Amino acid sequence: MTFLDKEYREIITKAVCGKGRKFTQASHSISPSHRPSSILGCWVINHLYNAKKKSEDTVEVNGSYDINIWYSYNDNTKTEAITERVTYCDIIPLSVKDDHCLNDDFDVIAKVVQQPNCLECNIANKGHKIVVEIEREFIVQVIGDTKIAVRVDPKREKFDDDDSDSWDFELTDDELDSVEPDFLDKKD
């Protein structure tokens, strides 16, 4: 088969040219203003991210989120909540790649499979730090221009949009009976 064959046509289209997936666990050390006695709660909110193609084989996802920790101090007699903004950069390898993309103008789609969430939150460093274990997971797709070949049916019938016989616009008696002739005179 050659692409100049009259039975085939080449079509240039957008297609997924690469895919990747990455699961990440990260550890963050946070210094509270008081020496904590116990951890009462920890959650992650305000996740923001963007993605771009970094190289032939990778996509870079840059993002941030807030870690909120509620803890007690002063021998569990007082409580405080702290928030710390954390930034990250995940390099996601492309496990599926199409080397036939036509140019370097790619769109990148990143989807969160697992939003950042707290796995564990502990008091560390002799009570002066709080260590938070976070997990997150992304899938990415790289979209680019590619060329596909399609076979043209040699026995195809010619279809003409201007052929009035191919369009049936006649109204049936039932359709005509349901027309209300005074609909313009009505005020709502």
Protein backbone atom coordinates (compact mmCIF):
# COMPACT_ATOMS: atom_id res chain seq x y z
CA MET A 1 0.00 0.00 0.00
CA THR A 2 1.31 3.40 -0.91
CA PHE A 3 -0.28 6.59 0.32
CA LEU A 4 -0.56 7.84 -3.27
CA ASP A 5 -2.83 4.94 -4.09
CA LYS A 6 -6.26 6.19 -5.23
CA GLU A 7 -7.98 3.80 -2.82
CA TYR A 8 -6.48 5.64 0.21
CA ARG A 9 -6.62 9.16 1.56
CA GLU A 10 -4.40 10.78 4.16
CA ILE A 11 -6.11 12.69 6.94
CA ILE A 12 -4.29 14.99 9.34
CA THR A 13 -5.94 14.95 12.76
CA LYS A 14 -5.34 15.52 16.46
CA ALA A 15 -4.66 12.30 18.36
CA VAL A 16 -3.17 11.05 21.61
CA CYS A 17 0.55 10.77 20.89
CA GLY A 18 1.69 9.85 24.39
CA LYS A 19 0.40 8.57 27.73
CA GLY A 20 1.87 8.30 31.19
CA ARG A 21 0.93 7.64 34.80
CA LYS A 22 2.69 8.30 38.09
CA PHE A 23 1.91 7.63 41.75
CA THR A 24 3.88 9.73 44.23
CA GLN A 25 4.32 9.61 47.99
CA ALA A 26 5.93 12.66 49.59
CA SER A 27 6.94 13.55 53.11
CA HIS A 28 6.66 17.11 54.41
CA SER A 29 8.16 18.42 57.65
CA ILE A 30 6.21 21.27 59.27
CA SER A 31 7.33 23.42 62.20
CA PRO A 32 4.41 24.45 64.42
CA SER A 33 4.56 27.55 66.61
CA HIS A 34 4.06 25.42 69.77
CA ARG A 35 5.48 22.06 70.75
CA PRO A 36 2.64 19.62 69.88
CA SER A 37 1.28 17.12 72.41
CA SER A 38 -0.92 15.22 69.94
CA ILE A 39 -2.26 15.42 66.39
CA LEU A 40 -6.03 15.92 66.27
CA GLY A 41 -6.48 16.03 62.49
CA CYS A 42 -4.74 16.57 59.17
CA TRP A 43 -6.21 17.25 55.74
CA VAL A 44 -5.11 18.54 52.35
CA ILE A 45 -7.06 21.22 50.42
CA ASN A 46 -6.71 23.78 47.59
CA HIS A 47 -4.88 21.55 45.12
CA LEU A 48 -3.79 23.43 41.97
CA TYR A 49 -1.61 22.11 39.12
CA ASN A 50 -0.60 22.56 35.50
CA ALA A 51 1.22 20.29 33.07
CA LYS A 52 3.55 20.75 30.11
CA LYS A 53 5.61 18.51 27.88
CA LYS A 54 9.16 18.64 29.16
CA SER A 55 11.03 16.35 26.76
CA GLU A 56 10.39 13.63 24.20
CA ASP A 57 9.72 11.15 27.00
CA THR A 58 8.32 13.15 29.91
CA VAL A 59 5.60 15.53 31.09
CA GLU A 60 6.17 17.90 34.00
CA VAL A 61 3.32 18.55 36.45
CA ASN A 62 3.84 21.54 38.75
CA GLY A 63 1.40 22.05 41.57
CA SER A 64 0.64 23.12 45.10
CA TYR A 65 -1.70 22.33 47.96
CA ASP A 66 -2.36 23.40 51.54
CA ILE A 67 -1.69 21.05 54.44
CA ASN A 68 -3.93 21.83 57.43
CA ILE A 69 -2.99 20.35 60.81
CA TRP A 70 -5.00 20.60 63.99
CA TYR A 71 -2.94 19.74 67.04
CA SER A 72 -2.95 20.11 70.82
CA TYR A 73 -0.14 21.54 72.92
CA ASN A 74 0.67 22.49 76.51
CA ASP A 75 -0.06 18.91 77.72
CA ASN A 76 -3.28 18.69 75.67
CA THR A 77 -4.83 21.77 77.29
CA LYS A 78 -4.85 24.02 74.21
CA THR A 79 -5.31 23.51 70.47
CA GLU A 80 -4.18 25.25 67.31
CA ALA A 81 -4.60 24.76 63.59
CA ILE A 82 -1.78 25.56 61.16
CA THR A 83 -1.72 25.71 57.39
CA GLU A 84 1.32 25.31 55.21
CA ARG A 85 1.44 25.74 51.42
CA VAL A 86 3.47 23.02 49.70
CA THR A 87 4.70 23.06 46.08
CA TYR A 88 5.78 20.06 44.05
CA CYS A 89 7.10 19.07 40.63
CA ASP A 90 6.33 15.58 39.30
CA ILE A 91 8.15 14.33 36.21
CA ILE A 92 5.89 11.75 34.56
CA PRO A 93 7.48 9.37 32.05
CA LEU A 94 5.50 8.60 28.90
CA SER A 95 5.01 4.85 28.75
CA VAL A 96 3.15 5.04 25.42
CA LYS A 97 4.62 7.22 22.64
CA ASP A 98 3.79 7.74 18.98
CA ASP A 99 6.88 8.87 17.10
CA HIS A 100 4.83 9.87 14.04
CA CYS A 101 3.53 13.21 15.31
CA LEU A 102 3.94 15.90 12.68
CA ASN A 103 5.22 18.83 14.75
CA ASP A 104 6.24 19.90 18.24
CA ASP A 105 3.04 21.79 19.01
CA PHE A 106 1.51 19.56 21.70
CA ASP A 107 -1.39 19.95 24.10
CA VAL A 108 -1.05 18.21 27.45
CA ILE A 109 -3.97 16.93 29.47
CA ALA A 110 -3.32 15.96 33.09
CA LYS A 111 -5.98 14.28 35.20
CA VAL A 112 -5.80 13.58 38.90
CA VAL A 113 -6.42 9.92 39.68
CA GLN A 114 -5.73 10.42 43.39
CA GLN A 115 -6.04 13.91 44.88
CA PRO A 116 -3.28 14.70 47.39
CA ASN A 117 -4.35 13.29 50.74
CA CYS A 118 -2.80 12.59 54.10
CA LEU A 119 -1.62 9.03 54.73
CA GLU A 120 -0.01 9.69 58.09
CA CYS A 121 0.72 12.64 60.36
CA ASN A 122 3.17 12.23 63.26
CA ILE A 123 5.10 14.29 65.77
CA ALA A 124 8.83 13.97 65.06
CA ASN A 125 12.24 15.47 65.92
CA LYS A 126 11.70 15.21 69.70
CA GLY A 127 8.38 16.98 69.47
CA HIS A 128 9.51 20.04 67.50
CA LYS A 129 8.26 19.05 64.01
CA ILE A 130 5.23 17.41 62.46
CA VAL A 131 5.89 15.01 59.57
CA VAL A 132 3.06 14.51 57.07
CA GLU A 133 3.02 11.68 54.50
CA ILE A 134 1.06 12.62 51.35
CA GLU A 135 0.05 10.56 48.30
CA ARG A 136 -1.09 11.74 44.85
CA GLU A 137 -1.44 10.22 41.37
CA PHE A 138 -1.73 11.63 37.85
CA ILE A 139 -2.36 10.35 34.35
CA VAL A 140 -1.24 12.50 31.42
CA GLN A 141 -1.98 12.51 27.71
CA VAL A 142 -0.01 14.33 25.03
CA ILE A 143 -2.17 15.44 22.08
CA GLY A 144 -0.55 16.25 18.74
CA ASP A 145 -1.11 16.35 15.00
CA THR A 146 -0.68 13.03 13.24
CA LYS A 147 -1.48 11.56 9.85
CA ILE A 148 -3.74 8.58 9.30
CA ALA A 149 -4.60 6.72 6.11
CA VAL A 150 -8.16 5.66 5.37
CA ARG A 151 -9.36 3.37 2.63
CA VAL A 152 -11.91 4.84 0.25
CA ASP A 153 -14.68 2.48 -0.82
CA PRO A 154 -14.20 2.06 -4.60
CA LYS A 155 -17.86 1.03 -5.03
CA ARG A 156 -19.22 4.01 -3.17
CA GLU A 157 -22.32 5.66 -4.51
CA LYS A 158 -22.06 9.31 -5.26
CA PHE A 159 -23.96 11.41 -2.73
CA ASP A 160 -25.03 14.88 -3.76
CA ASP A 161 -26.25 17.25 -1.04
CA ASP A 162 -28.06 19.33 -3.64
CA ASP A 163 -30.14 16.41 -4.87
CA SER A 164 -33.66 17.32 -3.71
CA ASP A 165 -34.83 13.71 -4.04
CA SER A 166 -32.51 12.66 -1.21
CA TRP A 167 -34.30 14.96 1.28
CA ASP A 168 -37.85 14.26 2.33
CA PHE A 169 -39.47 17.39 3.78
CA GLU A 170 -43.11 16.63 3.16
CA LEU A 171 -45.43 17.06 6.13
CA THR A 172 -47.89 14.35 7.04
CA ASP A 173 -51.58 15.03 7.69
CA ASP A 174 -51.04 14.39 11.42
CA GLU A 175 -48.30 17.03 11.54
CA LEU A 176 -50.50 19.54 9.71
CA ASP A 177 -53.41 18.89 12.11
CA SER A 178 -51.22 19.74 15.11
CA VAL A 179 -50.29 23.19 13.75
CA GLU A 180 -52.06 25.95 15.68
CA PRO A 181 -52.77 28.78 13.23
CA ASP A 182 -53.36 31.46 15.88
CA PHE A 183 -50.18 30.94 17.90
CA LEU A 184 -48.87 34.44 17.05
CA ASP A 185 -51.94 36.18 18.44
CA LYS A 186 -51.48 34.71 21.95
CA LYS A 187 -49.92 36.89 24.67
CA ASP A 188 -48.02 35.18 27.47
